[in-house]
């Protein structure tokens, strides 16, 4: 009986410790001033430093206090072949699963292409991951970029197009 009580007290202590440190109990979408703390002002990709768009950025804060951060960037200085696949940054501190593909922690370029694919690229522009895009025609007010959590699954929307991923 005492052993069960001690185990329960330990679990409660760990949970309260995580909450006290600011880690959420479940994956949560970061907003407001907290978002500004995790989104970089600029992002280096393919030889250029692009300005990030805070208003078109989002982040997920996980219970283990790790983040996944993404946002759109100004691609005006990039060549048309780079712009065809790259329109934002994707930073993850967690291993992520996109369908059957895995993405390790790191900093990447991202973008959707006209053929219905989502691309993750390393900073040199090499393709690392391709995932199928879904379209949500019922979405009433599409935004350039937003994250919606559905339990442990994240939906990354760019307009009405989205891709899903889960942290591992």
C-alpha atoms as a PDB file:
ATOM      1  CA  UNK A   1       0.000   0.000   0.000  1.00  0.00           C
ATOM      2  CA  UNK A   2       2.781   2.435   0.949  1.00  0.00           C
ATOM      3  CA  UNK A   3       4.680   1.508  -2.224  1.00  0.00           C
ATOM      4  CA  UNK A   4       1.644   2.380  -4.404  1.00  0.00           C
ATOM      5  CA  UNK A   5       1.290   5.684  -2.583  1.00  0.00           C
ATOM      6  CA  UNK A   6       4.974   6.528  -3.115  1.00  0.00           C
ATOM      7  CA  UNK A   7       4.771   5.659  -6.821  1.00  0.00           C
ATOM      8  CA  UNK A   8       1.643   7.805  -7.211  1.00  0.00           C
ATOM      9  CA  UNK A   9       3.304  10.685  -5.344  1.00  0.00           C
ATOM     10  CA  UNK A  10       6.365  10.410  -7.594  1.00  0.00           C
ATOM     11  CA  UNK A  11       4.232  10.508 -10.765  1.00  0.00           C
ATOM     12  CA  UNK A  12       2.292  13.527  -9.474  1.00  0.00           C
ATOM     13  CA  UNK A  13       5.589  15.219  -8.590  1.00  0.00           C
ATOM     14  CA  UNK A  14       6.959  14.678 -12.109  1.00  0.00           C
ATOM     15  CA  UNK A  15       3.750  16.004 -13.652  1.00  0.00           C
ATOM     16  CA  UNK A  16       3.732  19.094 -11.445  1.00  0.00           C
ATOM     17  CA  UNK A  17       7.413  19.654 -12.225  1.00  0.00           C
ATOM     18  CA  UNK A  18       6.710  19.599 -15.971  1.00  0.00           C
ATOM     19  CA  UNK A  19       3.778  21.998 -15.564  1.00  0.00           C
ATOM     20  CA  UNK A  20       5.837  24.330 -13.373  1.00  0.00           C
ATOM     21  CA  UNK A  21       8.532  24.450 -16.061  1.00  0.00           C
ATOM     22  CA  UNK A  22       6.004  25.465 -18.684  1.00  0.00           C
ATOM     23  CA  UNK A  23       5.700  22.148 -20.521  1.00  0.00           C
ATOM     24  CA  UNK A  24       2.085  21.424 -21.468  1.00  0.00           C
ATOM     25  CA  UNK A  25       0.298  18.207 -20.473  1.00  0.00           C
ATOM     26  CA  UNK A  26      -0.494  17.524 -24.153  1.00  0.00           C
ATOM     27  CA  UNK A  27       0.888  18.904 -27.436  1.00  0.00           C
ATOM     28  CA  UNK A  28      -0.330  22.488 -27.747  1.00  0.00           C
ATOM     29  CA  UNK A  29      -0.195  25.129 -30.455  1.00  0.00           C
ATOM     30  CA  UNK A  30       1.945  28.065 -29.325  1.00  0.00           C
ATOM     31  CA  UNK A  31       0.498  31.561 -29.677  1.00  0.00           C
ATOM     32  CA  UNK A  32       1.079  35.223 -28.877  1.00  0.00           C
ATOM     33  CA  UNK A  33       4.274  36.303 -27.136  1.00  0.00           C
ATOM     34  CA  UNK A  34       5.366  32.680 -26.695  1.00  0.00           C
ATOM     35  CA  UNK A  35       5.345  32.199 -30.478  1.00  0.00           C
ATOM     36  CA  UNK A  36       7.592  35.223 -30.944  1.00  0.00           C
ATOM     37  CA  UNK A  37      10.115  33.600 -28.562  1.00  0.00           C
ATOM     38  CA  UNK A  38      10.552  30.487 -30.748  1.00  0.00           C
ATOM     39  CA  UNK A  39      10.207  31.804 -34.330  1.00  0.00           C
ATOM     40  CA  UNK A  40      13.497  33.065 -35.802  1.00  0.00           C
ATOM     41  CA  UNK A  41      13.584  36.535 -37.399  1.00  0.00           C
ATOM     42  CA  UNK A  42      15.279  35.117 -40.488  1.00  0.00           C
ATOM     43  CA  UNK A  43      16.138  31.726 -41.913  1.00  0.00           C
ATOM     44  CA  UNK A  44      19.158  30.627 -43.946  1.00  0.00           C
ATOM     45  CA  UNK A  45      18.394  28.349 -46.915  1.00  0.00           C
ATOM     46  CA  UNK A  46      20.201  27.742 -50.240  1.00  0.00           C
ATOM     47  CA  UNK A  47      22.738  30.514 -49.785  1.00  0.00           C
ATOM     48  CA  UNK A  48      20.335  33.269 -48.746  1.00  0.00           C
ATOM     49  CA  UNK A  49      19.018  34.626 -45.485  1.00  0.00           C
ATOM     50  CA  UNK A  50      15.235  35.059 -45.845  1.00  0.00           C
ATOM     51  CA  UNK A  51      13.021  37.121 -43.552  1.00  0.00           C
ATOM     52  CA  UNK A  52      10.449  35.007 -41.701  1.00  0.00           C
ATOM     53  CA  UNK A  53       6.785  35.976 -41.478  1.00  0.00           C
ATOM     54  CA  UNK A  54       5.747  35.803 -37.803  1.00  0.00           C
ATOM     55  CA  UNK A  55       2.088  36.294 -38.751  1.00  0.00           C
ATOM     56  CA  UNK A  56       2.373  33.181 -40.955  1.00  0.00           C
ATOM     57  CA  UNK A  57       4.258  31.012 -38.462  1.00  0.00           C
ATOM     58  CA  UNK A  58       3.198  28.432 -35.924  1.00  0.00           C
ATOM     59  CA  UNK A  59       4.704  26.089 -33.359  1.00  0.00           C
ATOM     60  CA  UNK A  60       3.796  23.054 -31.306  1.00  0.00           C
ATOM     61  CA  UNK A  61       5.024  22.685 -27.720  1.00  0.00           C
ATOM     62  CA  UNK A  62       5.195  19.066 -26.544  1.00  0.00           C
ATOM     63  CA  UNK A  63       4.950  17.708 -22.983  1.00  0.00           C
ATOM     64  CA  UNK A  64       8.674  16.820 -22.999  1.00  0.00           C
ATOM     65  CA  UNK A  65       9.359  20.565 -23.558  1.00  0.00           C
ATOM     66  CA  UNK A  66      10.466  20.129 -27.187  1.00  0.00           C
ATOM     67  CA  UNK A  67       9.141  22.203 -30.097  1.00  0.00           C
ATOM     68  CA  UNK A  68       8.265  21.931 -33.748  1.00  0.00           C
ATOM     69  CA  UNK A  69       8.334  25.384 -35.386  1.00  0.00           C
ATOM     70  CA  UNK A  70       7.379  26.322 -38.938  1.00  0.00           C
ATOM     71  CA  UNK A  71       6.639  29.438 -40.918  1.00  0.00           C
ATOM     72  CA  UNK A  72       6.623  31.131 -44.281  1.00  0.00           C
ATOM     73  CA  UNK A  73       9.533  33.245 -45.506  1.00  0.00           C
ATOM     74  CA  UNK A  74      10.076  35.959 -48.099  1.00  0.00           C
ATOM     75  CA  UNK A  75      11.395  34.034 -51.123  1.00  0.00           C
ATOM     76  CA  UNK A  76      11.816  37.073 -53.400  1.00  0.00           C
ATOM     77  CA  UNK A  77      15.595  36.595 -53.823  1.00  0.00           C
ATOM     78  CA  UNK A  78      15.408  32.916 -54.734  1.00  0.00           C
ATOM     79  CA  UNK A  79      15.499  31.426 -58.222  1.00  0.00           C
ATOM     80  CA  UNK A  80      12.255  30.059 -59.685  1.00  0.00           C
ATOM     81  CA  UNK A  81      13.414  26.423 -59.350  1.00  0.00           C
ATOM     82  CA  UNK A  82      13.997  26.902 -55.594  1.00  0.00           C
ATOM     83  CA  UNK A  83      10.677  28.781 -55.169  1.00  0.00           C
ATOM     84  CA  UNK A  84       8.891  25.860 -56.842  1.00  0.00           C
ATOM     85  CA  UNK A  85       9.436  23.714 -53.707  1.00  0.00           C
ATOM     86  CA  UNK A  86      10.484  26.126 -50.965  1.00  0.00           C
ATOM     87  CA  UNK A  87       8.282  28.668 -49.239  1.00  0.00           C
ATOM     88  CA  UNK A  88       9.081  28.233 -45.573  1.00  0.00           C
ATOM     89  CA  UNK A  89      11.161  26.825 -42.759  1.00  0.00           C
ATOM     90  CA  UNK A  90      10.502  23.743 -40.664  1.00  0.00           C
ATOM     91  CA  UNK A  91      12.415  23.228 -37.415  1.00  0.00           C
ATOM     92  CA  UNK A  92      11.880  20.171 -35.251  1.00  0.00           C
ATOM     93  CA  UNK A  93      13.426  19.083 -31.982  1.00  0.00           C
ATOM     94  CA  UNK A  94      11.495  15.804 -32.231  1.00  0.00           C
ATOM     95  CA  UNK A  95      11.522  12.838 -34.575  1.00  0.00           C
ATOM     96  CA  UNK A  96       8.373  13.094 -36.737  1.00  0.00           C
ATOM     97  CA  UNK A  97       6.402  10.644 -38.859  1.00  0.00           C
ATOM     98  CA  UNK A  98       4.784  11.844 -42.098  1.00  0.00           C
ATOM     99  CA  UNK A  99       2.830   8.791 -43.309  1.00  0.00           C
ATOM    100  CA  UNK A 100       5.486   6.110 -43.759  1.00  0.00           C
ATOM    101  CA  UNK A 101       8.386   8.614 -43.811  1.00  0.00           C
ATOM    102  CA  UNK A 102      10.428   9.698 -40.791  1.00  0.00           C
ATOM    103  CA  UNK A 103      12.104  13.074 -40.250  1.00  0.00           C
ATOM    104  CA  UNK A 104      14.804  13.497 -37.622  1.00  0.00           C
ATOM    105  CA  UNK A 105      15.384  16.594 -35.508  1.00  0.00           C
ATOM    106  CA  UNK A 106      16.851  19.452 -37.512  1.00  0.00           C
ATOM    107  CA  UNK A 107      16.260  22.635 -39.481  1.00  0.00           C
ATOM    108  CA  UNK A 108      14.770  22.325 -42.941  1.00  0.00           C
ATOM    109  CA  UNK A 109      13.147  24.129 -45.829  1.00  0.00           C
ATOM    110  CA  UNK A 110       9.568  23.135 -46.657  1.00  0.00           C
ATOM    111  CA  UNK A 111       6.921  23.707 -49.269  1.00  0.00           C
ATOM    112  CA  UNK A 112       3.978  22.392 -51.252  1.00  0.00           C
ATOM    113  CA  UNK A 113       4.132  21.875 -54.992  1.00  0.00           C
ATOM    114  CA  UNK A 114       1.381  22.096 -57.598  1.00  0.00           C
ATOM    115  CA  UNK A 115       1.397  18.304 -58.034  1.00  0.00           C
ATOM    116  CA  UNK A 116      -0.030  17.824 -54.517  1.00  0.00           C
ATOM    117  CA  UNK A 117       3.159  17.016 -52.638  1.00  0.00           C
ATOM    118  CA  UNK A 118       4.716  18.402 -49.462  1.00  0.00           C
ATOM    119  CA  UNK A 119       8.514  18.607 -49.526  1.00  0.00           C
ATOM    120  CA  UNK A 120      11.095  18.798 -46.762  1.00  0.00           C
ATOM    121  CA  UNK A 121      14.541  19.926 -47.976  1.00  0.00           C
ATOM    122  CA  UNK A 122      17.883  20.226 -46.249  1.00  0.00           C
ATOM    123  CA  UNK A 123      19.504  23.693 -46.201  1.00  0.00           C
ATOM    124  CA  UNK A 124      21.334  22.890 -49.457  1.00  0.00           C
ATOM    125  CA  UNK A 125      17.970  22.328 -51.162  1.00  0.00           C
ATOM    126  CA  UNK A 126      18.241  18.540 -51.407  1.00  0.00           C
ATOM    127  CA  UNK A 127      14.928  16.733 -51.004  1.00  0.00           C
ATOM    128  CA  UNK A 128      14.724  14.605 -47.836  1.00  0.00           C
ATOM    129  CA  UNK A 129      11.026  13.799 -47.549  1.00  0.00           C
ATOM    130  CA  UNK A 130       7.965  13.919 -49.786  1.00  0.00           C
ATOM    131  CA  UNK A 131       4.450  13.457 -48.416  1.00  0.00           C
ATOM    132  CA  UNK A 132       1.033  13.555 -50.055  1.00  0.00           C
ATOM    133  CA  UNK A 133      -1.058  16.678 -49.533  1.00  0.00           C
ATOM    134  CA  UNK A 134      -4.731  16.553 -48.662  1.00  0.00           C
ATOM    135  CA  UNK A 135      -7.244  19.311 -49.387  1.00  0.00           C
ATOM    136  CA  UNK A 136      -9.892  20.497 -46.914  1.00  0.00           C
ATOM    137  CA  UNK A 137     -12.557  22.035 -49.168  1.00  0.00           C
ATOM    138  CA  UNK A 138     -14.820  22.582 -46.136  1.00  0.00           C
ATOM    139  CA  UNK A 139     -12.350  24.910 -44.437  1.00  0.00           C
ATOM    140  CA  UNK A 140     -14.264  28.175 -44.170  1.00  0.00           C
ATOM    141  CA  UNK A 141     -11.418  30.623 -43.531  1.00  0.00           C
ATOM    142  CA  UNK A 142      -8.113  29.308 -44.892  1.00  0.00           C
ATOM    143  CA  UNK A 143      -4.951  31.010 -43.658  1.00  0.00           C
ATOM    144  CA  UNK A 144      -1.535  31.078 -45.326  1.00  0.00           C
ATOM    145  CA  UNK A 145      -0.165  28.797 -42.554  1.00  0.00           C
ATOM    146  CA  UNK A 146      -1.657  27.301 -39.421  1.00  0.00           C
ATOM    147  CA  UNK A 147      -1.384  24.209 -37.238  1.00  0.00           C
ATOM    148  CA  UNK A 148      -4.375  22.281 -35.926  1.00  0.00           C
ATOM    149  CA  UNK A 149      -3.861  19.548 -33.331  1.00  0.00           C
ATOM    150  CA  UNK A 150      -6.094  16.480 -33.458  1.00  0.00           C
ATOM    151  CA  UNK A 151      -4.954  14.598 -30.367  1.00  0.00           C
ATOM    152  CA  UNK A 152      -1.328  13.643 -31.028  1.00  0.00           C
ATOM    153  CA  UNK A 153      -1.636  14.285 -34.794  1.00  0.00           C
ATOM    154  CA  UNK A 154      -0.751  17.701 -36.183  1.00  0.00           C
ATOM    155  CA  UNK A 155      -2.243  19.125 -39.377  1.00  0.00           C
ATOM    156  CA  UNK A 156      -0.012  21.689 -41.068  1.00  0.00           C
ATOM    157  CA  UNK A 157      -2.246  23.845 -43.271  1.00  0.00           C
ATOM    158  CA  UNK A 158      -1.078  26.107 -46.081  1.00  0.00           C
ATOM    159  CA  UNK A 159      -4.384  27.521 -47.249  1.00  0.00           C
ATOM    160  CA  UNK A 160      -6.773  24.604 -47.733  1.00  0.00           C
ATOM    161  CA  UNK A 161      -3.941  22.133 -48.340  1.00  0.00           C
ATOM    162  CA  UNK A 162      -2.549  20.208 -45.400  1.00  0.00           C
ATOM    163  CA  UNK A 163      -0.213  17.420 -44.393  1.00  0.00           C
ATOM    164  CA  UNK A 164      -0.335  15.433 -41.163  1.00  0.00           C
ATOM    165  CA  UNK A 165       2.482  14.320 -38.885  1.00  0.00           C
ATOM    166  CA  UNK A 166       2.975  12.815 -35.449  1.00  0.00           C
ATOM    167  CA  UNK A 167       5.836  13.069 -33.005  1.00  0.00           C
ATOM    168  CA  UNK A 168       7.610   9.849 -32.151  1.00  0.00           C
END
